[in-house]
PDB file of all heavy atoms in Angstrom:
ATOM      1  N   VAL A   1      56.923  83.396  93.279  1.00  0.00           N
ATOM      2  CA  VAL A   1      58.089  84.110  93.795  1.00  0.00           C
ATOM      3  C   VAL A   1      58.855  84.689  92.607  1.00  0.00           C
ATOM      4  O   VAL A   1      59.254  83.956  91.698  1.00  0.00           O
ATOM      5  CB  VAL A   1      59.026  83.192  94.610  1.00  0.00           C
ATOM      6  CG1 VAL A   1      60.230  83.987  95.116  1.00  0.00           C
ATOM      7  CG2 VAL A   1      58.286  82.555  95.780  1.00  0.00           C
ATOM      8  N   ASP A   2      59.024  86.008  92.599  1.00  0.00           N
ATOM      9  CA  ASP A   2      59.799  86.702  91.564  1.00  0.00           C
ATOM     10  C   ASP A   2      61.214  86.953  92.073  1.00  0.00           C
ATOM     11  O   ASP A   2      61.426  87.187  93.275  1.00  0.00           O
ATOM     12  CB  ASP A   2      59.160  88.047  91.209  1.00  0.00           C
ATOM     13  CG  ASP A   2      57.914  87.894  90.347  1.00  0.00           C
ATOM     14  OD1 ASP A   2      57.634  86.770  89.911  1.00  0.00           O
ATOM     15  OD2 ASP A   2      57.231  88.914  90.116  1.00  0.00           O
ATOM     16  N   GLY A   3      62.181  86.916  91.145  1.00  0.00           N
ATOM     17  CA  GLY A   3      63.559  87.192  91.506  1.00  0.00           C
ATOM     18  C   GLY A   3      64.195  88.193  90.560  1.00  0.00           C
ATOM     19  O   GLY A   3      63.896  88.205  89.366  1.00  0.00           O
ATOM     20  N   TRP A   4      65.074  89.029  91.095  1.00  0.00           N
ATOM     21  CA  TRP A   4      65.795  90.021  90.303  1.00  0.00           C
ATOM     22  C   TRP A   4      67.271  89.985  90.692  1.00  0.00           C
ATOM     23  O   TRP A   4      67.610  89.789  91.856  1.00  0.00           O
ATOM     24  CB  TRP A   4      65.233  91.424  90.545  1.00  0.00           C
ATOM     25  CG  TRP A   4      63.853  91.621  89.992  1.00  0.00           C
ATOM     26  CD1 TRP A   4      62.669  91.324  90.611  1.00  0.00           C
ATOM     27  CD2 TRP A   4      63.510  92.140  88.716  1.00  0.00           C
ATOM     28  NE1 TRP A   4      61.614  91.629  89.796  1.00  0.00           N
ATOM     29  CE2 TRP A   4      62.104  92.142  88.616  1.00  0.00           C
ATOM     30  CE3 TRP A   4      64.261  92.622  87.644  1.00  0.00           C
ATOM     31  CZ2 TRP A   4      61.432  92.594  87.489  1.00  0.00           C
ATOM     32  CZ3 TRP A   4      63.592  93.072  86.517  1.00  0.00           C
ATOM     33  CH2 TRP A   4      62.195  93.061  86.444  1.00  0.00           C
ATOM     34  N   ARG A   5      68.138  90.161  89.679  1.00  0.00           N
ATOM     35  CA  ARG A   5      69.576  90.147  89.937  1.00  0.00           C
ATOM     36  C   ARG A   5      70.262  91.184  89.047  1.00  0.00           C
ATOM     37  O   ARG A   5      70.047  91.229  87.831  1.00  0.00           O
ATOM     38  CB  ARG A   5      70.148  88.765  89.627  1.00  0.00           C
ATOM     39  CG  ARG A   5      71.680  88.698  89.587  1.00  0.00           C
ATOM     40  CD  ARG A   5      72.319  88.908  90.956  1.00  0.00           C
ATOM     41  NE  ARG A   5      73.767  89.057  90.858  1.00  0.00           N
ATOM     42  CZ  ARG A   5      74.633  88.059  90.788  1.00  0.00           C
ATOM     43  NH1 ARG A   5      74.199  86.801  90.799  1.00  0.00           N
ATOM     44  NH2 ARG A   5      75.923  88.312  90.724  1.00  0.00           N
ATOM     45  N   PHE A   6      71.094  92.017  89.679  1.00  0.00           N
ATOM     46  CA  PHE A   6      71.899  92.982  88.942  1.00  0.00           C
ATOM     47  C   PHE A   6      73.294  92.393  88.778  1.00  0.00           C
ATOM     48  O   PHE A   6      73.938  91.995  89.753  1.00  0.00           O
ATOM     49  CB  PHE A   6      71.969  94.309  89.703  1.00  0.00           C
ATOM     50  CG  PHE A   6      72.656  95.402  88.937  1.00  0.00           C
ATOM     51  CD1 PHE A   6      72.016  96.037  87.887  1.00  0.00           C
ATOM     52  CD2 PHE A   6      73.946  95.808  89.263  1.00  0.00           C
ATOM     53  CE1 PHE A   6      72.637  97.049  87.169  1.00  0.00           C
ATOM     54  CE2 PHE A   6      74.580  96.817  88.565  1.00  0.00           C
ATOM     55  CZ  PHE A   6      73.916  97.438  87.515  1.00  0.00           C
ATOM     56  N   ALA A   7      73.769  92.300  87.542  1.00  0.00           N
ATOM     57  CA  ALA A   7      75.061  91.650  87.296  1.00  0.00           C
ATOM     58  C   ALA A   7      75.602  92.058  85.941  1.00  0.00           C
ATOM     59  O   ALA A   7      74.937  92.723  85.142  1.00  0.00           O
ATOM     60  CB  ALA A   7      74.919  90.135  87.390  1.00  0.00           C
ATOM     61  N   VAL A   8      76.823  91.606  85.683  1.00  0.00           N
ATOM     62  CA  VAL A   8      77.474  91.791  84.395  1.00  0.00           C
ATOM     63  C   VAL A   8      77.417  90.470  83.637  1.00  0.00           C
ATOM     64  O   VAL A   8      77.859  89.441  84.153  1.00  0.00           O
ATOM     65  CB  VAL A   8      78.936  92.238  84.570  1.00  0.00           C
ATOM     66  CG1 VAL A   8      79.645  92.294  83.217  1.00  0.00           C
ATOM     67  CG2 VAL A   8      79.004  93.594  85.248  1.00  0.00           C
ATOM     68  N   SER A   9      76.870  90.510  82.447  1.00  0.00           N
ATOM     69  CA  SER A   9      76.863  89.309  81.606  1.00  0.00           C
ATOM     70  C   SER A   9      78.196  89.247  80.867  1.00  0.00           C
ATOM     71  O   SER A   9      78.660  90.245  80.324  1.00  0.00           O
ATOM     72  CB  SER A   9      75.709  89.362  80.603  1.00  0.00           C
ATOM     73  OG  SER A   9      75.916  90.405  79.672  1.00  0.00           O
ATOM     74  N   ASP A  10      78.800  88.075  80.869  1.00  0.00           N
ATOM     75  CA  ASP A  10      80.095  87.975  80.189  1.00  0.00           C
ATOM     76  C   ASP A  10      79.922  87.376  78.797  1.00  0.00           C
ATOM     77  O   ASP A  10      78.822  87.002  78.376  1.00  0.00           O
ATOM     78  CB  ASP A  10      81.097  87.164  81.009  1.00  0.00           C
ATOM     79  CG  ASP A  10      80.590  85.758  81.297  1.00  0.00           C
ATOM     80  OD1 ASP A  10      79.727  85.260  80.550  1.00  0.00           O
ATOM     81  OD2 ASP A  10      81.055  85.159  82.279  1.00  0.00           O
ATOM     82  N   ALA A  11      81.004  87.281  78.074  1.00  0.00           N
ATOM     83  CA  ALA A  11      80.948  86.802  76.688  1.00  0.00           C
ATOM     84  C   ALA A  11      80.548  85.348  76.597  1.00  0.00           C
ATOM     85  O   ALA A  11      80.093  84.887  75.548  1.00  0.00           O
ATOM     86  CB  ALA A  11      82.310  87.002  76.029  1.00  0.00           C
ATOM     87  N   ASN A  12      80.676  84.599  77.697  1.00  0.00           N
ATOM     88  CA  ASN A  12      80.324  83.188  77.676  1.00  0.00           C
ATOM     89  C   ASN A  12      78.850  82.944  77.976  1.00  0.00           C
ATOM     90  O   ASN A  12      78.411  81.802  78.008  1.00  0.00           O
ATOM     91  CB  ASN A  12      81.178  82.422  78.699  1.00  0.00           C
ATOM     92  CG  ASN A  12      82.652  82.493  78.359  1.00  0.00           C
ATOM     93  OD1 ASN A  12      83.024  82.453  77.187  1.00  0.00           O
ATOM     94  ND2 ASN A  12      83.492  82.611  79.378  1.00  0.00           N
ATOM     95  N   GLY A  13      78.119  84.020  78.228  1.00  0.00           N
ATOM     96  CA  GLY A  13      76.688  83.876  78.493  1.00  0.00           C
ATOM     97  C   GLY A  13      76.378  83.251  79.841  1.00  0.00           C
ATOM     98  O   GLY A  13      75.363  82.566  80.007  1.00  0.00           O
ATOM     99  N   THR A  14      77.244  83.459  80.829  1.00  0.00           N
ATOM    100  CA  THR A  14      77.031  82.899  82.160  1.00  0.00           C
ATOM    101  C   THR A  14      75.764  83.474  82.784  1.00  0.00           C
ATOM    102  O   THR A  14      75.557  84.682  82.805  1.00  0.00           O
ATOM    103  CB  THR A  14      78.235  83.205  83.068  1.00  0.00           C
ATOM    104  OG1 THR A  14      79.420  82.683  82.458  1.00  0.00           O
ATOM    105  CG2 THR A  14      78.053  82.580  84.434  1.00  0.00           C
ATOM    106  N   SER A  15      74.906  82.580  83.297  1.00  0.00           N
ATOM    107  CA  SER A  15      73.663  83.012  83.920  1.00  0.00           C
ATOM    108  C   SER A  15      73.953  83.555  85.312  1.00  0.00           C
ATOM    109  O   SER A  15      74.687  82.936  86.096  1.00  0.00           O
ATOM    110  CB  SER A  15      72.676  81.846  84.014  1.00  0.00           C
ATOM    111  OG  SER A  15      72.352  81.364  82.725  1.00  0.00           O
ATOM    112  N   ARG A  16      73.387  84.701  85.621  1.00  0.00           N
ATOM    113  CA  ARG A  16      73.569  85.312  86.925  1.00  0.00           C
ATOM    114  C   ARG A  16      72.214  85.385  87.627  1.00  0.00           C
ATOM    115  O   ARG A  16      71.519  86.382  87.581  1.00  0.00           O
ATOM    116  CB  ARG A  16      74.183  86.704  86.788  1.00  0.00           C
ATOM    117  CG  ARG A  16      75.581  86.707  86.183  1.00  0.00           C
ATOM    118  CD  ARG A  16      76.593  86.034  87.098  1.00  0.00           C
ATOM    119  NE  ARG A  16      77.940  86.084  86.525  1.00  0.00           N
ATOM    120  CZ  ARG A  16      79.007  85.556  87.109  1.00  0.00           C
ATOM    121  NH1 ARG A  16      78.885  84.914  88.264  1.00  0.00           N
ATOM    122  NH2 ARG A  16      80.191  85.647  86.531  1.00  0.00           N
ATOM    123  N   PHE A  17      71.850  84.274  88.277  1.00  0.00           N
ATOM    124  CA  PHE A  17      70.593  84.221  89.005  1.00  0.00           C
ATOM    125  C   PHE A  17      70.763  84.885  90.375  1.00  0.00           C
ATOM    126  O   PHE A  17      71.895  85.102  90.834  1.00  0.00           O
ATOM    127  CB  PHE A  17      70.162  82.768  89.205  1.00  0.00           C
ATOM    128  CG  PHE A  17      69.938  82.017  87.926  1.00  0.00           C
ATOM    129  CD1 PHE A  17      70.754  80.950  87.591  1.00  0.00           C
ATOM    130  CD2 PHE A  17      68.930  82.378  87.049  1.00  0.00           C
ATOM    131  CE1 PHE A  17      70.555  80.246  86.411  1.00  0.00           C
ATOM    132  CE2 PHE A  17      68.726  81.687  85.877  1.00  0.00           C
ATOM    133  CZ  PHE A  17      69.539  80.618  85.552  1.00  0.00           C
ATOM    134  N   PRO A  18      69.657  85.211  91.061  1.00  0.00           N
ATOM    135  CA  PRO A  18      69.784  85.634  92.457  1.00  0.00           C
ATOM    136  C   PRO A  18      70.566  84.583  93.235  1.00  0.00           C
ATOM    137  O   PRO A  18      70.380  83.380  93.040  1.00  0.00           O
ATOM    138  CB  PRO A  18      68.319  85.734  92.919  1.00  0.00           C
ATOM    139  CG  PRO A  18      67.552  86.043  91.665  1.00  0.00           C
ATOM    140  CD  PRO A  18      68.255  85.276  90.582  1.00  0.00           C
ATOM    141  N   ARG A  19      71.437  85.042  94.127  1.00  0.00           N
ATOM    142  CA  ARG A  19      72.368  84.128  94.781  1.00  0.00           C
ATOM    143  C   ARG A  19      71.763  83.366  95.950  1.00  0.00           C
ATOM    144  O   ARG A  19      72.464  82.629  96.642  1.00  0.00           O
ATOM    145  CB  ARG A  19      73.597  84.905  95.240  1.00  0.00           C
ATOM    146  CG  ARG A  19      74.468  85.408  94.095  1.00  0.00           C
ATOM    147  CD  ARG A  19      75.533  86.350  94.602  1.00  0.00           C
ATOM    148  NE  ARG A  19      74.952  87.609  95.064  1.00  0.00           N
ATOM    149  CZ  ARG A  19      75.599  88.515  95.769  1.00  0.00           C
ATOM    150  NH1 ARG A  19      76.864  88.302  96.122  1.00  0.00           N
ATOM    151  NH2 ARG A  19      75.001  89.643  96.136  1.00  0.00           N
ATOM    152  N   ALA A  20      70.483  83.503  96.176  1.00  0.00           N
ATOM    153  CA  ALA A  20      69.787  82.732  97.205  1.00  0.00           C
ATOM    154  C   ALA A  20      68.426  82.319  96.664  1.00  0.00           C
ATOM    155  O   ALA A  20      67.799  83.066  95.909  1.00  0.00           O
ATOM    156  CB  ALA A  20      69.626  83.551  98.483  1.00  0.00           C
ATOM    157  N   VAL A  21      68.001  81.125  97.022  1.00  0.00           N
ATOM    158  CA  VAL A  21      66.684  80.624  96.625  1.00  0.00           C
ATOM    159  C   VAL A  21      65.809  80.569  97.874  1.00  0.00           C
ATOM    160  O   VAL A  21      66.130  79.855  98.829  1.00  0.00           O
ATOM    161  CB  VAL A  21      66.784  79.225  95.990  1.00  0.00           C
ATOM    162  CG1 VAL A  21      65.389  78.679  95.698  1.00  0.00           C
ATOM    163  CG2 VAL A  21      67.604  79.281  94.707  1.00  0.00           C
ATOM    164  N   LEU A  22      64.732  81.333  97.876  1.00  0.00           N
ATOM    165  CA  LEU A  22      63.790  81.343  98.987  1.00  0.00           C
ATOM    166  C   LEU A  22      62.425  80.899  98.480  1.00  0.00           C
ATOM    167  O   LEU A  22      61.942  81.405  97.460  1.00  0.00           O
ATOM    168  CB  LEU A  22      63.669  82.736  99.610  1.00  0.00           C
ATOM    169  CG  LEU A  22      64.744  83.140 100.632  1.00  0.00           C
ATOM    170  CD1 LEU A  22      66.057  83.471  99.919  1.00  0.00           C
ATOM    171  CD2 LEU A  22      64.289  84.334 101.459  1.00  0.00           C
ATOM    172  N   SER A  23      61.818  79.975  99.166  1.00  0.00           N
ATOM    173  CA  SER A  23      60.512  79.479  98.764  1.00  0.00           C
ATOM    174  C   SER A  23      59.426  80.469  99.170  1.00  0.00           C
ATOM    175  O   SER A  23      59.657  81.397  99.962  1.00  0.00           O
ATOM    176  CB  SER A  23      60.244  78.122  99.424  1.00  0.00           C
ATOM    177  OG  SER A  23      60.127  78.280 100.843  1.00  0.00           O
ATOM    178  N   PHE A  24      58.230  80.232  98.657  1.00  0.00           N
ATOM    179  CA  PHE A  24      57.100  81.097  99.013  1.00  0.00           C
ATOM    180  C   PHE A  24      56.825  81.012 100.509  1.00  0.00           C
ATOM    181  O   PHE A  24      56.505  82.027 101.146  1.00  0.00           O
ATOM    182  CB  PHE A  24      55.861  80.686  98.220  1.00  0.00           C
ATOM    183  CG  PHE A  24      54.622  81.469  98.572  1.00  0.00           C
ATOM    184  CD1 PHE A  24      54.432  82.738  98.079  1.00  0.00           C
ATOM    185  CD2 PHE A  24      53.665  80.925  99.418  1.00  0.00           C
ATOM    186  CE1 PHE A  24      53.299  83.477  98.422  1.00  0.00           C
ATOM    187  CE2 PHE A  24      52.529  81.642  99.757  1.00  0.00           C
ATOM    188  CZ  PHE A  24      52.343  82.919  99.256  1.00  0.00           C
ATOM    189  N   GLU A  25      56.946  79.826 101.083  1.00  0.00           N
ATOM    190  CA  GLU A  25      56.695  79.660 102.515  1.00  0.00           C
ATOM    191  C   GLU A  25      57.703  80.452 103.336  1.00  0.00           C
ATOM    192  O   GLU A  25      57.357  81.036 104.370  1.00  0.00           O
ATOM    193  CB  GLU A  25      56.757  78.177 102.890  1.00  0.00           C
ATOM    194  CG  GLU A  25      55.591  77.341 102.392  1.00  0.00           C
ATOM    195  CD  GLU A  25      55.627  77.107 100.889  1.00  0.00           C
ATOM    196  OE1 GLU A  25      56.734  77.231 100.295  1.00  0.00           O
ATOM    197  OE2 GLU A  25      54.572  76.813 100.307  1.00  0.00           O
ATOM    198  N   GLN A  26      58.958  80.496 102.876  1.00  0.00           N
ATOM    199  CA  GLN A  26      59.967  81.250 103.604  1.00  0.00           C
ATOM    200  C   GLN A  26      59.720  82.750 103.532  1.00  0.00           C
ATOM    201  O   GLN A  26      59.949  83.473 104.510  1.00  0.00           O
ATOM    202  CB  GLN A  26      61.358  80.937 103.049  1.00  0.00           C
ATOM    203  CG  GLN A  26      61.855  79.537 103.373  1.00  0.00           C
ATOM    204  CD  GLN A  26      63.183  79.240 102.700  1.00  0.00           C
ATOM    205  OE1 GLN A  26      63.289  79.284 101.475  1.00  0.00           O
ATOM    206  NE2 GLN A  26      64.196  78.941 103.490  1.00  0.00           N
ATOM    207  N   VAL A  27      59.246  83.222 102.394  1.00  0.00           N
ATOM    208  CA  VAL A  27      59.078  84.669 102.207  1.00  0.00           C
ATOM    209  C   VAL A  27      57.721  85.148 102.712  1.00  0.00           C
ATOM    210  O   VAL A  27      57.623  86.203 103.342  1.00  0.00           O
ATOM    211  CB  VAL A  27      59.256  85.047 100.721  1.00  0.00           C
ATOM    212  CG1 VAL A  27      59.103  86.543 100.531  1.00  0.00           C
ATOM    213  CG2 VAL A  27      60.607  84.591 100.209  1.00  0.00           C
TER     214      VAL A  27
END
């Protein structure tokens, strides 16, 4: 399962993952 997220990285290096986790079985 590949994930992509468009976001702004801040100075603290906060990780911006996709906001939902879907398993292979779900997709």
